[in-house]
N, C-alpha and C. Protein backbone atom coordinates (compact mmCIF):
# COMPACT_ATOMS: atom_id res chain seq x y z
N MET A 1 57.02 -16.32 18.55
CA MET A 1 56.39 -15.02 18.95
C MET A 1 55.69 -14.41 17.70
N LYS A 2 56.42 -14.60 16.38
CA LYS A 2 55.95 -14.17 15.24
C LYS A 2 54.61 -14.87 14.71
N ALA A 3 54.67 -16.20 14.96
CA ALA A 3 53.60 -17.13 14.72
C ALA A 3 52.27 -16.75 15.33
N LEU A 4 52.48 -16.26 16.76
CA LEU A 4 51.44 -15.78 17.60
C LEU A 4 50.79 -14.55 16.97
N VAL A 5 51.58 -13.46 16.53
CA VAL A 5 51.15 -12.44 16.02
C VAL A 5 50.51 -12.47 14.64
N LEU A 6 50.96 -13.62 13.72
CA LEU A 6 50.36 -13.90 12.64
C LEU A 6 49.04 -14.60 12.89
N LEU A 7 48.91 -15.40 13.81
CA LEU A 7 47.61 -16.05 14.03
C LEU A 7 46.73 -14.95 14.53
N LEU A 8 47.01 -14.09 15.43
CA LEU A 8 46.27 -13.10 16.08
C LEU A 8 45.60 -12.15 14.97
N ALA A 9 46.61 -11.81 13.99
CA ALA A 9 46.37 -11.00 12.77
C ALA A 9 45.17 -11.63 11.77
N LEU A 10 45.50 -12.76 11.79
CA LEU A 10 44.55 -13.54 10.85
C LEU A 10 43.08 -13.79 11.61
N LEU A 11 43.18 -14.16 12.83
CA LEU A 11 41.85 -14.08 13.59
C LEU A 11 41.13 -12.89 13.47
N LEU A 12 41.87 -11.69 13.62
CA LEU A 12 41.20 -10.23 13.56
C LEU A 12 40.39 -10.08 12.17
N THR A 13 41.34 -10.27 11.12
CA THR A 13 40.79 -10.06 9.75
C THR A 13 39.71 -10.92 9.41
N SER A 14 39.76 -12.32 9.86
CA SER A 14 38.73 -13.07 9.53
C SER A 14 37.46 -12.93 10.10
N GLY A 15 37.66 -12.55 11.55
CA GLY A 15 36.44 -11.97 12.19
C GLY A 15 35.70 -10.77 11.49
N MET A 16 36.37 -9.65 10.94
CA MET A 16 35.93 -8.62 10.56
C MET A 16 35.35 -8.94 9.28
N ALA A 17 35.91 -9.90 8.34
CA ALA A 17 35.23 -10.32 7.01
C ALA A 17 34.02 -10.96 7.21
N LEU A 18 33.96 -11.84 8.33
CA LEU A 18 32.65 -12.62 8.48
C LEU A 18 31.64 -11.46 9.01
N ALA A 19 31.82 -10.51 9.87
CA ALA A 19 31.03 -9.39 10.26
C ALA A 19 30.47 -8.60 8.91
N GLN A 20 31.40 -8.41 8.03
CA GLN A 20 30.98 -7.66 6.93
C GLN A 20 29.86 -8.56 6.11
N ASP A 21 30.27 -9.69 6.01
CA ASP A 21 29.33 -10.57 5.23
C ASP A 21 27.93 -10.90 5.93
N ARG A 22 27.86 -10.93 7.34
CA ARG A 22 26.55 -10.77 8.00
C ARG A 22 25.96 -9.54 7.79
N ARG A 23 26.50 -8.40 7.92
CA ARG A 23 25.89 -7.16 7.63
C ARG A 23 25.18 -7.10 6.07
N LYS A 24 26.02 -7.42 5.31
CA LYS A 24 25.56 -7.48 3.76
C LYS A 24 24.37 -8.51 3.76
N HIS A 25 24.34 -9.70 4.31
CA HIS A 25 23.14 -10.52 4.27
C HIS A 25 21.99 -9.99 4.91
N ASP A 26 22.05 -9.09 6.17
CA ASP A 26 21.11 -8.52 6.94
C ASP A 26 20.50 -7.23 5.92
N ARG A 27 21.37 -6.66 5.28
CA ARG A 27 20.91 -5.51 4.36
C ARG A 27 19.90 -6.17 3.30
N GLN A 28 20.36 -7.41 2.69
CA GLN A 28 19.53 -8.10 1.57
C GLN A 28 18.42 -8.55 2.27
N GLN A 29 18.34 -9.09 3.40
CA GLN A 29 17.15 -9.42 4.12
C GLN A 29 16.03 -8.40 4.45
N MET A 30 16.67 -7.39 4.76
CA MET A 30 15.82 -6.21 4.92
C MET A 30 15.20 -5.68 3.76
N LYS A 31 15.90 -5.64 2.61
CA LYS A 31 15.21 -5.21 1.38
C LYS A 31 14.02 -6.24 1.00
N GLN A 32 14.31 -7.62 1.33
CA GLN A 32 13.37 -8.54 0.82
C GLN A 32 12.02 -8.27 1.75
N GLU A 33 12.38 -8.05 2.97
CA GLU A 33 11.31 -7.59 3.93
C GLU A 33 10.62 -6.52 3.46
N ASP A 34 11.20 -5.53 3.13
CA ASP A 34 10.73 -4.06 2.54
C ASP A 34 9.76 -4.25 1.27
N ARG A 35 10.41 -5.27 0.37
CA ARG A 35 9.56 -5.49 -0.92
C ARG A 35 8.20 -6.21 -0.49
N GLN A 36 8.34 -7.27 0.50
CA GLN A 36 7.15 -7.88 0.81
C GLN A 36 6.01 -6.95 1.49
N ARG A 37 6.57 -6.00 2.21
CA ARG A 37 5.76 -5.16 3.00
C ARG A 37 5.00 -4.21 2.08
N MET A 38 5.70 -3.78 0.98
CA MET A 38 5.48 -2.70 -0.05
C MET A 38 4.20 -3.53 -0.86
N ARG A 39 4.66 -4.99 -1.28
CA ARG A 39 3.52 -5.66 -2.03
C ARG A 39 2.11 -5.58 -1.20
N GLU A 40 2.27 -6.04 0.07
CA GLU A 40 0.91 -6.17 0.86
C GLU A 40 0.31 -4.89 1.00
N ASP A 41 1.16 -3.67 1.03
CA ASP A 41 0.39 -2.30 1.13
C ASP A 41 -0.20 -2.26 -0.16
N MET A 42 0.24 -2.42 -1.29
CA MET A 42 -0.54 -2.40 -2.53
C MET A 42 -1.63 -3.08 -2.69
N ARG A 43 -1.54 -4.49 -2.19
CA ARG A 43 -2.71 -5.13 -2.15
C ARG A 43 -3.83 -4.43 -1.46
N GLU A 44 -3.44 -4.04 -0.40
CA GLU A 44 -4.38 -3.30 0.53
C GLU A 44 -5.05 -2.01 -0.22
N VAL A 45 -4.17 -1.37 -0.70
CA VAL A 45 -4.69 -0.22 -1.73
C VAL A 45 -5.83 -0.51 -2.66
N ASN A 46 -5.36 -1.54 -3.23
CA ASN A 46 -6.18 -2.20 -4.36
C ASN A 46 -7.37 -2.48 -4.05
N ARG A 47 -7.39 -3.22 -2.79
CA ARG A 47 -8.73 -3.67 -2.30
C ARG A 47 -9.61 -2.47 -1.74
N ASP A 48 -9.11 -1.57 -1.31
CA ASP A 48 -9.86 -0.37 -0.85
C ASP A 48 -10.23 0.33 -2.10
N LYS A 49 -9.52 0.48 -2.88
CA LYS A 49 -9.74 1.26 -4.40
C LYS A 49 -11.25 0.53 -5.18
N PHE A 50 -10.89 -0.67 -5.25
CA PHE A 50 -11.81 -1.50 -5.91
C PHE A 50 -12.87 -2.28 -5.24
N GLY A 51 -12.94 -1.89 -4.01
CA GLY A 51 -14.11 -2.81 -3.28
C GLY A 51 -13.87 -4.06 -2.90
N GLY A 52 -12.64 -4.62 -2.92
CA GLY A 52 -12.43 -6.19 -2.66
C GLY A 52 -12.63 -6.80 -3.77
N SER A 53 -12.97 -6.15 -5.16
CA SER A 53 -12.97 -7.16 -6.21
C SER A 53 -12.15 -6.44 -7.24
N ARG A 54 -11.71 -7.28 -8.20
CA ARG A 54 -11.18 -6.67 -9.45
C ARG A 54 -12.28 -6.01 -10.16
N PRO A 55 -11.88 -4.93 -11.08
CA PRO A 55 -12.85 -4.26 -11.93
C PRO A 55 -13.24 -5.02 -13.17
N GLU A 56 -14.55 -5.11 -13.42
CA GLU A 56 -15.09 -5.99 -14.53
C GLU A 56 -14.51 -5.28 -15.91
N ARG A 57 -14.26 -6.38 -16.73
CA ARG A 57 -13.93 -6.00 -18.18
C ARG A 57 -15.09 -5.54 -18.83
N GLN A 58 -14.82 -4.43 -19.78
CA GLN A 58 -15.81 -3.86 -20.37
C GLN A 58 -16.46 -4.95 -21.54
N ARG A 59 -17.70 -4.85 -21.74
CA ARG A 59 -18.05 -5.80 -22.83
C ARG A 59 -17.83 -5.25 -24.07
N GLN A 60 -17.72 -5.99 -25.05
CA GLN A 60 -17.49 -5.48 -26.33
C GLN A 60 -18.90 -4.85 -26.97
N MET A 61 -18.54 -3.91 -27.78
CA MET A 61 -19.75 -3.12 -28.28
C MET A 61 -20.12 -3.91 -29.65
N THR A 62 -21.53 -3.83 -29.74
CA THR A 62 -22.10 -4.35 -31.07
C THR A 62 -21.66 -3.21 -32.30
N PRO A 63 -21.65 -4.03 -33.44
CA PRO A 63 -21.58 -3.05 -34.44
C PRO A 63 -22.47 -1.77 -34.63
N GLN A 64 -23.82 -1.97 -34.10
CA GLN A 64 -24.65 -1.06 -34.04
C GLN A 64 -24.35 -0.05 -33.20
N GLU A 65 -23.94 -0.43 -31.76
CA GLU A 65 -23.51 0.56 -30.88
C GLU A 65 -22.26 1.30 -31.38
N ARG A 66 -21.26 0.63 -31.90
CA ARG A 66 -20.00 1.22 -32.44
C ARG A 66 -20.43 2.45 -33.68
N GLU A 67 -21.57 2.18 -34.56
CA GLU A 67 -21.96 3.06 -35.49
C GLU A 67 -22.66 4.33 -34.94
N LYS A 68 -23.52 3.89 -33.93
CA LYS A 68 -24.02 5.10 -33.11
C LYS A 68 -23.10 5.91 -32.60
N LEU A 69 -22.04 5.18 -31.92
CA LEU A 69 -21.04 6.31 -31.32
C LEU A 69 -20.41 7.12 -32.19
N ARG A 70 -20.14 6.39 -33.53
CA ARG A 70 -19.27 7.10 -34.64
C ARG A 70 -20.09 8.32 -35.04
N GLN A 71 -21.53 8.13 -35.05
CA GLN A 71 -22.36 9.20 -35.51
C GLN A 71 -22.47 10.33 -34.48
N ASP A 72 -22.42 9.88 -33.24
CA ASP A 72 -22.50 10.80 -32.09
C ASP A 72 -21.34 11.81 -32.09
N ILE A 73 -20.09 11.10 -32.35
CA ILE A 73 -18.85 11.70 -32.52
C ILE A 73 -18.85 12.75 -33.57
N ARG A 74 -19.16 12.43 -34.72
CA ARG A 74 -19.36 13.18 -36.03
C ARG A 74 -20.15 14.21 -35.78
N GLU A 75 -21.31 14.26 -34.96
CA GLU A 75 -22.21 15.17 -34.86
C GLU A 75 -21.57 16.26 -33.87
N ALA A 76 -20.89 15.75 -32.68
CA ALA A 76 -20.38 16.52 -31.87
C ALA A 76 -19.32 17.37 -32.34
N ASN A 77 -18.50 16.79 -33.48
CA ASN A 77 -17.49 17.50 -34.03
C ASN A 77 -17.90 18.55 -34.99
N LYS A 78 -18.95 18.30 -35.54
CA LYS A 78 -19.74 19.48 -36.28
C LYS A 78 -20.16 20.53 -35.59
N ASN A 79 -20.64 20.29 -34.41
CA ASN A 79 -21.19 21.43 -33.35
C ASN A 79 -20.21 22.03 -32.89
N LEU A 80 -18.95 21.44 -32.52
CA LEU A 80 -17.64 22.29 -32.13
C LEU A 80 -16.98 23.17 -33.04
N LYS A 81 -17.21 22.86 -34.49
CA LYS A 81 -16.77 23.70 -35.52
C LYS A 81 -17.50 25.03 -35.52
N ARG A 82 -18.82 25.00 -35.11
CA ARG A 82 -19.90 26.03 -35.57
C ARG A 82 -19.50 27.15 -34.26
């Protein structure tokens, strides 16, 4: 009789442990699915934002263009001080 009660208790506790492990696995799986869904959403947003292509890199300025920009900035700063 004691053996039967012990066996029954072991079966119940092992069943609960397996159920908890399964729920933990399901939660992890949902997290992975959520992350995948979020990645897809971000790809869609970026596609809409950039018109289906990546933004082009800016070309490097020539030394003449940089000097002209410096002069324009200096001139604008002088005009601001006045």
